[in-house]
Amino acid sequence: MGRILHRIFSQLYNEVRKIDGCWEAEHEEMYLKKAEGILTREFQLWQDRGMDFIGPAWQWFQKTCADQLEVFVRQEGEQFDGFELAGTETELAAVPEEGQVGMWGRIDRLSRRDGCTVLIDYKKGKVPSTGEVYQEEGLPAVSQLPFYTFVAERNGHHVTAASYYSIQEGSYTHIFNEPEGPVAGSSRRKPRLDPLQFRDQMDRIVSGVIRHAENLRRGIFTAPENCGSCDFRTICRTRYGLKLPEDSHGR
């Protein structure tokens, strides 16, 4: 479902760009009709490939996608009225400094208004919690949006917001929002992080990537002590007799 809706969202936004140049909330009904046609074609494509499954389940699947697509269109009108599409499934790469590791990401959507860019990542289920996207010390469990922001800014985007869209919940969660950005105040929910927290987390994530890449180049392949379920770690310890350095602090 997530894969199909990702494709439909991308096609819909490209259609809107051809028609209006940017998302126009007043054209919502037209967008809904366009979305319905895209969904029908997409499901027919999968059926032609023999990818459909048990009839009643496939029909439920298509109906569920149609309902979620309608919610998405209405949410776009509330959150991103007047935004133009800067890219979907956009692949960007960046190198922090000469000789350092290259960083690469595929961003679900880049939307732009008044010279400001917003990063959007679609989630089929729930979005990460605040504790998963931010830690006062160390690295968070989920580093996606701060990492993407760094790469996008190295490619000339002035990023003023980064957000998740939950397909399951039918709503946006803004992880951060610059006060001067065009999305500010448009969501009923307060952003998870303030801009300083987000930027601080981004810097630590990028530094962490650089540090681990340098360790790999030096042949340091350490692992957390609590990763007992990792078969690779077990093989390294038993076959090659690798031992964690005393100063590794479990990393």
Protein backbone atom coordinates (compact mmCIF):
# COMPACT_ATOMS: atom_id res chain seq x y z
CA MET A 1 0.00 0.00 0.00
CA GLY A 2 2.77 2.40 0.90
CA ARG A 3 4.60 1.75 -2.35
CA ILE A 4 1.49 2.29 -4.47
CA LEU A 5 0.49 5.48 -2.65
CA HIS A 6 4.03 6.86 -2.96
CA ARG A 7 3.72 6.44 -6.74
CA ILE A 8 0.24 7.97 -6.83
CA PHE A 9 1.27 10.97 -4.69
CA SER A 10 4.20 11.61 -7.04
CA GLN A 11 2.06 11.38 -10.18
CA LEU A 12 -0.64 13.60 -8.68
CA TYR A 13 1.82 16.32 -7.75
CA ASN A 14 3.32 16.26 -11.23
CA GLU A 15 -0.18 16.60 -12.70
CA VAL A 16 -0.90 19.57 -10.43
CA ARG A 17 2.37 21.20 -11.51
CA LYS A 18 1.35 20.87 -15.17
CA ILE A 19 -2.12 22.29 -14.53
CA ASP A 20 -1.54 25.08 -12.01
CA GLY A 21 2.19 25.31 -11.37
CA CYS A 22 1.51 25.12 -7.63
CA TRP A 23 -1.08 23.55 -5.31
CA GLU A 24 -4.29 25.59 -5.38
CA ALA A 25 -6.68 24.70 -2.56
CA GLU A 26 -9.63 26.13 -4.51
CA HIS A 27 -9.11 23.44 -7.16
CA GLU A 28 -9.48 20.61 -4.65
CA GLU A 29 -12.38 18.90 -6.42
CA MET A 30 -10.48 18.85 -9.70
CA TYR A 31 -7.46 17.37 -7.93
CA LEU A 32 -9.67 14.69 -6.39
CA LYS A 33 -10.89 13.66 -9.85
CA LYS A 34 -7.33 13.61 -11.13
CA ALA A 35 -6.29 11.49 -8.14
CA GLU A 36 -9.11 9.04 -8.77
CA GLY A 37 -8.01 8.57 -12.38
CA ILE A 38 -4.37 8.06 -11.37
CA LEU A 39 -5.36 5.51 -8.74
CA THR A 40 -7.49 3.57 -11.26
CA ARG A 41 -4.63 3.46 -13.77
CA GLU A 42 -2.10 2.46 -11.14
CA PHE A 43 -4.19 -0.45 -9.88
CA GLN A 44 -4.90 -1.58 -13.44
CA LEU A 45 -1.16 -1.58 -14.10
CA TRP A 46 -0.58 -3.86 -11.13
CA GLN A 47 -3.43 -6.15 -12.22
CA ASP A 48 -2.00 -6.37 -15.75
CA ARG A 49 1.26 -7.53 -14.21
CA GLY A 50 -0.58 -10.21 -12.27
CA MET A 51 0.26 -8.57 -8.97
CA ASP A 52 -3.31 -8.50 -7.66
CA PHE A 53 -4.30 -11.09 -5.09
CA ILE A 54 -7.57 -12.55 -3.71
CA GLY A 55 -10.48 -10.60 -5.25
CA PRO A 56 -12.26 -9.27 -2.12
CA ALA A 57 -8.95 -8.36 -0.48
CA TRP A 58 -7.78 -6.54 -3.63
CA GLN A 59 -11.04 -4.57 -3.79
CA TRP A 60 -10.71 -3.61 -0.11
CA PHE A 61 -7.13 -2.61 -0.76
CA GLN A 62 -8.11 -0.31 -3.62
CA LYS A 63 -10.98 1.22 -1.64
CA THR A 64 -8.67 1.89 1.32
CA CYS A 65 -6.12 3.57 -0.93
CA ALA A 66 -8.86 5.71 -2.49
CA ASP A 67 -10.03 6.85 0.95
CA GLN A 68 -6.48 7.67 2.06
CA LEU A 69 -5.82 9.52 -1.19
CA GLU A 70 -8.86 11.71 -0.64
CA VAL A 71 -7.65 12.60 2.86
CA PHE A 72 -4.22 13.42 1.43
CA VAL A 73 -5.65 15.84 -1.13
CA ARG A 74 -7.63 17.67 1.54
CA GLN A 75 -4.61 17.83 3.84
CA GLU A 76 -2.51 19.33 1.05
CA GLY A 77 -5.03 22.12 0.64
CA GLU A 78 -4.80 22.92 4.35
CA GLN A 79 -1.03 22.61 4.74
CA PHE A 80 0.55 23.45 1.38
CA ASP A 81 -1.74 25.82 -0.46
CA GLY A 82 0.37 27.88 -2.87
CA PHE A 83 3.40 25.58 -2.74
CA GLU A 84 5.07 24.46 -5.95
CA LEU A 85 6.64 21.06 -6.43
CA ALA A 86 10.44 21.16 -6.35
CA GLY A 87 10.81 17.41 -6.77
CA THR A 88 9.47 13.94 -5.93
CA GLU A 89 11.64 10.91 -5.18
CA THR A 90 14.55 13.32 -5.50
CA GLU A 91 18.05 11.87 -5.26
CA LEU A 92 20.58 14.28 -3.77
CA ALA A 93 24.20 13.83 -2.74
CA ALA A 94 26.66 15.95 -0.77
CA VAL A 95 30.20 15.83 0.58
CA PRO A 96 30.70 17.81 3.83
CA GLU A 97 34.38 18.58 3.22
CA GLU A 98 36.92 17.53 0.61
CA GLY A 99 38.08 13.98 1.20
CA GLN A 100 35.19 13.13 3.56
CA VAL A 101 32.52 10.52 3.00
CA GLY A 102 29.82 11.27 0.43
CA MET A 103 26.24 11.38 1.70
CA TRP A 104 23.21 10.48 -0.39
CA GLY A 105 19.45 10.42 0.10
CA ARG A 106 16.20 9.94 -1.80
CA ILE A 107 13.65 12.50 -0.58
CA ASP A 108 9.96 11.72 -1.07
CA ARG A 109 9.01 15.32 -1.81
CA LEU A 110 10.47 18.81 -1.91
CA SER A 111 7.91 21.64 -1.93
CA ARG A 112 8.82 25.31 -2.32
CA ARG A 113 7.19 28.66 -1.66
CA ASP A 114 8.66 32.18 -1.37
CA GLY A 115 12.18 30.79 -1.79
CA CYS A 116 11.76 28.37 1.12
CA THR A 117 11.87 24.58 0.83
CA VAL A 118 9.98 22.02 2.90
CA LEU A 119 11.05 18.36 3.03
CA ILE A 120 8.27 15.76 3.17
CA ASP A 121 8.70 12.09 4.03
CA TYR A 122 5.70 9.78 3.65
CA LYS A 123 5.11 7.11 6.30
CA LYS A 124 2.64 4.29 5.84
CA GLY A 125 2.14 3.97 9.62
CA LYS A 126 2.83 6.19 12.58
CA VAL A 127 5.53 8.83 12.56
CA PRO A 128 8.53 8.54 14.91
CA SER A 129 8.09 9.87 18.44
CA THR A 130 9.94 12.93 19.74
CA GLY A 131 12.32 10.66 21.67
CA GLU A 132 13.14 8.79 18.47
CA VAL A 133 14.04 11.91 16.49
CA TYR A 134 15.89 13.84 19.19
CA GLN A 135 18.35 13.06 21.96
CA GLU A 136 20.05 15.65 24.14
CA GLU A 137 23.25 13.65 23.84
CA GLY A 138 24.30 11.22 21.17
CA LEU A 139 22.39 10.15 18.08
CA PRO A 140 18.64 9.58 17.75
CA ALA A 141 16.99 6.33 16.68
CA VAL A 142 15.65 8.02 13.53
CA SER A 143 17.93 10.45 11.68
CA GLN A 144 16.16 10.67 8.32
CA LEU A 145 14.87 14.25 8.13
CA PRO A 146 17.91 15.99 9.69
CA PHE A 147 20.16 14.00 7.34
CA TYR A 148 18.02 14.89 4.31
CA THR A 149 18.01 18.55 5.37
CA PHE A 150 21.80 18.63 5.42
CA VAL A 151 22.02 17.08 1.95
CA ALA A 152 19.29 19.36 0.54
CA GLU A 153 20.94 22.50 1.90
CA ARG A 154 24.27 21.47 0.41
CA ASN A 155 22.39 21.39 -2.92
CA GLY A 156 21.17 24.96 -2.62
CA HIS A 157 17.79 24.52 -0.91
CA HIS A 158 16.81 26.94 1.85
CA VAL A 159 15.08 24.42 4.12
CA THR A 160 12.68 26.02 6.61
CA ALA A 161 10.64 22.95 7.58
CA ALA A 162 10.82 19.16 7.55
CA SER A 163 7.71 17.06 8.02
CA TYR A 164 6.33 13.53 8.04
CA TYR A 165 2.99 12.66 6.47
CA SER A 166 1.36 9.59 8.02
CA ILE A 167 -0.83 7.77 5.49
CA GLN A 168 -2.43 5.77 8.29
CA GLU A 169 -3.31 8.82 10.37
CA GLY A 170 -3.98 11.14 7.44
CA SER A 171 -2.07 14.05 8.95
CA TYR A 172 1.19 15.96 8.91
CA THR A 173 3.68 16.14 11.76
CA HIS A 174 6.18 18.97 11.42
CA ILE A 175 9.49 17.97 12.99
CA PHE A 176 10.78 21.53 12.81
CA ASN A 177 9.55 24.84 11.44
CA GLU A 178 11.51 28.06 11.06
CA PRO A 179 9.32 30.96 12.28
CA GLU A 180 9.80 32.86 9.02
CA GLY A 181 8.93 29.82 6.90
CA PRO A 182 5.66 29.71 4.92
CA VAL A 183 4.39 26.60 6.78
CA ALA A 184 4.63 28.27 10.20
CA GLY A 185 1.28 28.31 12.01
CA SER A 186 -0.48 26.17 9.40
CA SER A 187 -0.57 23.03 11.55
CA ARG A 188 -2.70 22.50 14.61
CA ARG A 189 0.19 20.57 16.13
CA LYS A 190 3.28 22.23 17.50
CA PRO A 191 6.52 21.15 15.74
CA ARG A 192 8.34 18.36 17.60
CA LEU A 193 11.60 20.33 17.81
CA ASP A 194 12.53 23.97 17.82
CA PRO A 195 14.94 25.06 15.05
CA LEU A 196 17.99 25.06 17.35
CA GLN A 197 17.30 21.50 18.53
CA PHE A 198 16.83 20.31 14.96
CA ARG A 199 20.03 21.97 13.75
CA ASP A 200 21.98 20.62 16.71
CA GLN A 201 20.72 17.10 16.00
CA MET A 202 21.56 17.50 12.31
CA ASP A 203 25.15 18.52 13.10
CA ARG A 204 25.60 15.54 15.42
CA ILE A 205 24.19 13.11 12.86
CA VAL A 206 26.48 14.39 10.10
CA SER A 207 29.48 14.30 12.46
CA GLY A 208 28.54 10.76 13.46
CA VAL A 209 28.42 9.62 9.83
CA ILE A 210 31.83 11.19 9.16
CA ARG A 211 33.31 9.63 12.30
CA HIS A 212 32.03 6.14 11.52
CA ALA A 213 33.20 6.38 7.91
CA GLU A 214 36.69 7.32 9.09
CA ASN A 215 36.69 4.37 11.48
CA LEU A 216 35.68 2.01 8.68
CA ARG A 217 38.55 3.29 6.54
CA ARG A 218 40.91 2.57 9.43
CA GLY A 219 39.53 -0.96 9.78
CA ILE A 220 37.58 -0.36 13.00
CA PHE A 221 34.37 -2.39 12.80
CA THR A 222 33.10 -2.20 16.36
CA ALA A 223 29.53 -2.97 17.37
CA PRO A 224 27.25 -2.32 20.36
CA GLU A 225 27.45 -4.89 23.17
CA ASN A 226 23.67 -5.29 23.09
CA CYS A 227 23.46 -6.46 19.45
CA GLY A 228 23.34 -10.14 20.31
CA SER A 229 20.84 -10.79 17.54
CA CYS A 230 23.32 -9.69 14.86
CA ASP A 231 24.62 -12.81 13.06
CA PHE A 232 27.44 -10.84 11.44
CA ARG A 233 28.82 -9.78 14.81
CA THR A 234 28.69 -13.38 16.03
CA ILE A 235 30.60 -14.58 12.96
CA CYS A 236 33.25 -11.88 13.44
CA ARG A 237 33.81 -12.82 17.06
CA THR A 238 33.92 -16.59 16.53
CA ARG A 239 35.62 -16.90 13.16
CA TYR A 240 38.01 -13.97 13.28
CA GLY A 241 38.44 -13.51 17.02
CA LEU A 242 37.66 -9.78 16.89
CA LYS A 243 37.56 -7.96 20.19
CA LEU A 244 36.03 -4.60 21.07
CA PRO A 245 38.57 -1.92 22.05
CA GLU A 246 38.63 -1.01 25.71
CA ASP A 247 37.77 2.62 24.96
CA SER A 248 34.91 1.91 22.56
CA HIS A 249 32.20 2.59 25.19
CA GLY A 250 30.11 -0.16 23.64
CA ARG A 251 30.15 1.34 20.12
